[in-house]
């Protein structure tokens, strides 16, 4: 998960805060020239949710109930 978010962050200049057990979920994907929206939608397919902090470039990522590492 950390590598995935680091690549998206570096490419798109956004920040991520991961809470709960979301960091423990294995995420692997080959994504080039991916928009933040595409990355966030991909995370939703992996049992994660996200919310933006105000008008900032920071997103909070958390596991949906039932998502397991």
N, C-alpha and C. Protein backbone atom coordinates (compact mmCIF):
# COMPACT_ATOMS: atom_id res chain seq x y z
N UNK A 1 0.82 -1.19 0.00
CA UNK A 1 0.00 0.00 0.00
C UNK A 1 0.86 1.26 0.00
N UNK A 2 1.91 1.27 0.82
CA UNK A 2 2.74 2.47 0.92
C UNK A 2 3.37 2.82 -0.42
N UNK A 3 3.92 1.83 -1.13
CA UNK A 3 4.55 2.09 -2.42
C UNK A 3 3.54 2.63 -3.43
N UNK A 4 2.36 2.04 -3.44
CA UNK A 4 1.30 2.49 -4.36
C UNK A 4 0.96 3.95 -4.10
N UNK A 5 0.71 4.29 -2.84
CA UNK A 5 0.34 5.67 -2.50
C UNK A 5 1.51 6.63 -2.73
N UNK A 6 2.73 6.18 -2.47
CA UNK A 6 3.90 7.04 -2.71
C UNK A 6 4.01 7.39 -4.19
N UNK A 7 3.78 6.42 -5.07
CA UNK A 7 3.87 6.69 -6.51
C UNK A 7 2.78 7.67 -6.96
N UNK A 8 1.56 7.46 -6.47
CA UNK A 8 0.47 8.37 -6.83
C UNK A 8 0.74 9.76 -6.28
N UNK A 9 1.23 9.83 -5.06
CA UNK A 9 1.53 11.11 -4.42
C UNK A 9 2.60 11.88 -5.19
N UNK A 10 3.67 11.20 -5.57
CA UNK A 10 4.75 11.85 -6.31
C UNK A 10 4.29 12.32 -7.68
N UNK A 11 3.46 11.53 -8.32
CA UNK A 11 2.99 11.85 -9.66
C UNK A 11 1.97 12.99 -9.66
N UNK A 12 1.12 13.02 -8.63
CA UNK A 12 -0.02 13.95 -8.62
C UNK A 12 0.07 15.06 -7.59
N UNK A 13 1.11 15.06 -6.78
CA UNK A 13 1.30 16.10 -5.75
C UNK A 13 0.14 16.14 -4.76
N UNK A 14 -0.30 14.96 -4.31
CA UNK A 14 -1.31 14.87 -3.26
C UNK A 14 -0.71 14.11 -2.10
N UNK A 15 -1.36 14.23 -0.94
CA UNK A 15 -0.92 13.53 0.26
C UNK A 15 -2.01 12.56 0.70
N UNK A 16 -1.57 11.49 1.34
CA UNK A 16 -2.51 10.50 1.85
C UNK A 16 -2.25 10.26 3.33
N UNK A 17 -3.32 10.14 4.08
CA UNK A 17 -3.26 9.72 5.48
C UNK A 17 -4.02 8.41 5.53
N UNK A 18 -3.35 7.36 5.99
CA UNK A 18 -3.97 6.04 6.05
C UNK A 18 -4.27 5.73 7.50
N UNK A 19 -5.53 5.37 7.77
CA UNK A 19 -5.95 5.10 9.15
C UNK A 19 -6.43 3.65 9.29
N UNK A 20 -6.39 3.19 10.54
CA UNK A 20 -6.86 1.83 10.82
C UNK A 20 -5.96 0.80 10.17
N UNK A 21 -6.56 -0.31 9.79
CA UNK A 21 -5.79 -1.40 9.20
C UNK A 21 -5.65 -1.28 7.68
N UNK A 22 -6.01 -0.15 7.12
CA UNK A 22 -5.94 0.04 5.67
C UNK A 22 -4.53 -0.15 5.13
N UNK A 23 -3.51 0.26 5.90
CA UNK A 23 -2.13 0.13 5.43
C UNK A 23 -1.73 -1.34 5.29
N UNK A 24 -2.40 -2.22 6.02
CA UNK A 24 -2.06 -3.64 5.98
C UNK A 24 -2.63 -4.37 4.77
N UNK A 25 -3.54 -3.74 4.04
CA UNK A 25 -4.12 -4.39 2.88
C UNK A 25 -3.11 -4.42 1.73
N UNK A 26 -2.90 -5.58 1.15
CA UNK A 26 -1.94 -5.64 0.04
C UNK A 26 -2.54 -5.02 -1.22
N UNK A 27 -1.83 -4.05 -1.77
CA UNK A 27 -2.26 -3.39 -3.01
C UNK A 27 -1.13 -3.49 -4.00
N UNK A 28 -1.44 -4.01 -5.15
CA UNK A 28 -0.44 -4.13 -6.21
C UNK A 28 -1.11 -3.78 -7.53
N UNK A 29 -0.49 -2.86 -8.26
CA UNK A 29 -1.05 -2.47 -9.55
C UNK A 29 0.02 -1.81 -10.38
N UNK A 30 -0.08 -1.98 -11.66
CA UNK A 30 0.79 -1.30 -12.61
C UNK A 30 0.01 -0.11 -13.14
N UNK A 31 0.35 1.07 -12.68
CA UNK A 31 -0.41 2.25 -13.06
C UNK A 31 0.55 3.34 -13.51
N UNK A 32 0.44 3.73 -14.75
CA UNK A 32 1.24 4.84 -15.26
C UNK A 32 0.29 5.92 -15.76
N UNK A 33 0.69 7.15 -15.52
CA UNK A 33 -0.16 8.30 -15.91
C UNK A 33 -1.58 8.15 -15.39
N UNK A 34 -1.67 7.77 -14.15
CA UNK A 34 -2.95 7.56 -13.50
C UNK A 34 -3.38 8.82 -12.78
N UNK A 35 -4.63 9.20 -12.93
CA UNK A 35 -5.13 10.37 -12.21
C UNK A 35 -5.42 9.98 -10.76
N UNK A 36 -5.51 10.97 -9.91
CA UNK A 36 -5.86 10.72 -8.51
C UNK A 36 -7.23 10.07 -8.43
N UNK A 37 -8.16 10.54 -9.22
CA UNK A 37 -9.52 9.97 -9.22
C UNK A 37 -9.48 8.49 -9.59
N UNK A 38 -8.72 8.14 -10.63
CA UNK A 38 -8.60 6.74 -11.02
C UNK A 38 -7.99 5.89 -9.90
N UNK A 39 -6.96 6.42 -9.24
CA UNK A 39 -6.33 5.69 -8.15
C UNK A 39 -7.30 5.49 -6.99
N UNK A 40 -8.06 6.53 -6.65
CA UNK A 40 -9.02 6.42 -5.55
C UNK A 40 -10.14 5.44 -5.89
N UNK A 41 -10.59 5.47 -7.12
CA UNK A 41 -11.62 4.51 -7.54
C UNK A 41 -11.08 3.07 -7.50
N UNK A 42 -9.81 2.90 -7.88
CA UNK A 42 -9.17 1.59 -7.79
C UNK A 42 -9.15 1.11 -6.34
N UNK A 43 -8.80 2.01 -5.41
CA UNK A 43 -8.76 1.63 -4.00
C UNK A 43 -10.13 1.20 -3.50
N UNK A 44 -11.19 1.82 -4.00
CA UNK A 44 -12.54 1.42 -3.60
C UNK A 44 -12.82 -0.03 -3.99
N UNK A 45 -12.27 -0.48 -5.12
CA UNK A 45 -12.47 -1.88 -5.54
C UNK A 45 -11.73 -2.84 -4.63
N UNK A 46 -10.80 -2.34 -3.84
CA UNK A 46 -10.02 -3.16 -2.92
C UNK A 46 -10.55 -3.10 -1.49
N UNK A 47 -11.75 -2.54 -1.32
CA UNK A 47 -12.35 -2.49 0.02
C UNK A 47 -11.92 -1.30 0.85
N UNK A 48 -11.51 -0.23 0.20
CA UNK A 48 -11.09 0.96 0.91
C UNK A 48 -12.01 2.13 0.56
N UNK A 49 -12.09 3.07 1.46
CA UNK A 49 -12.84 4.29 1.19
C UNK A 49 -11.89 5.47 1.35
N UNK A 50 -12.32 6.61 0.88
CA UNK A 50 -11.48 7.80 0.98
C UNK A 50 -12.35 9.02 1.23
N UNK A 51 -11.74 10.03 1.80
CA UNK A 51 -12.39 11.33 1.95
C UNK A 51 -11.31 12.39 1.85
N UNK A 52 -11.69 13.51 1.30
CA UNK A 52 -10.76 14.62 1.14
C UNK A 52 -10.87 15.51 2.37
N UNK A 53 -9.75 16.05 2.81
CA UNK A 53 -9.74 16.96 3.95
C UNK A 53 -9.93 18.38 3.41
N UNK A 54 -11.15 18.88 3.55
CA UNK A 54 -11.47 20.24 3.08
C UNK A 54 -11.13 20.44 1.62
N UNK A 55 -10.50 21.56 1.32
CA UNK A 55 -10.07 21.88 -0.04
C UNK A 55 -8.60 21.56 -0.26
N UNK A 56 -8.03 20.81 0.65
CA UNK A 56 -6.60 20.50 0.57
C UNK A 56 -6.33 19.41 -0.47
N UNK A 57 -5.08 19.10 -0.64
CA UNK A 57 -4.66 18.00 -1.50
C UNK A 57 -4.37 16.76 -0.68
N UNK A 58 -5.06 16.61 0.44
CA UNK A 58 -4.85 15.48 1.34
C UNK A 58 -6.11 14.63 1.40
N UNK A 59 -5.91 13.34 1.27
CA UNK A 59 -7.00 12.37 1.31
C UNK A 59 -6.77 11.40 2.45
N UNK A 60 -7.83 11.04 3.15
CA UNK A 60 -7.78 10.04 4.21
C UNK A 60 -8.28 8.73 3.60
N UNK A 61 -7.48 7.68 3.76
CA UNK A 61 -7.81 6.36 3.25
C UNK A 61 -8.10 5.46 4.44
N UNK A 62 -9.21 4.75 4.39
CA UNK A 62 -9.55 3.81 5.48
C UNK A 62 -10.19 2.58 4.89
N UNK A 63 -10.09 1.48 5.62
CA UNK A 63 -10.71 0.23 5.18
C UNK A 63 -12.20 0.28 5.46
N UNK A 64 -12.97 -0.22 4.49
CA UNK A 64 -14.39 -0.40 4.72
C UNK A 64 -14.57 -1.55 5.69
N UNK A 65 -15.65 -1.58 6.42
CA UNK A 65 -15.86 -2.70 7.34
C UNK A 65 -15.90 -4.00 6.53
N UNK A 66 -15.19 -4.98 7.02
CA UNK A 66 -15.13 -6.25 6.33
C UNK A 66 -13.89 -6.43 5.47
N UNK A 67 -13.18 -5.35 5.16
CA UNK A 67 -11.95 -5.48 4.37
C UNK A 67 -10.88 -6.05 5.27
N UNK A 68 -10.15 -7.03 4.75
CA UNK A 68 -9.12 -7.70 5.55
C UNK A 68 -7.77 -7.68 4.85
N UNK A 69 -6.73 -7.60 5.67
CA UNK A 69 -5.37 -7.63 5.09
C UNK A 69 -5.05 -9.00 4.54
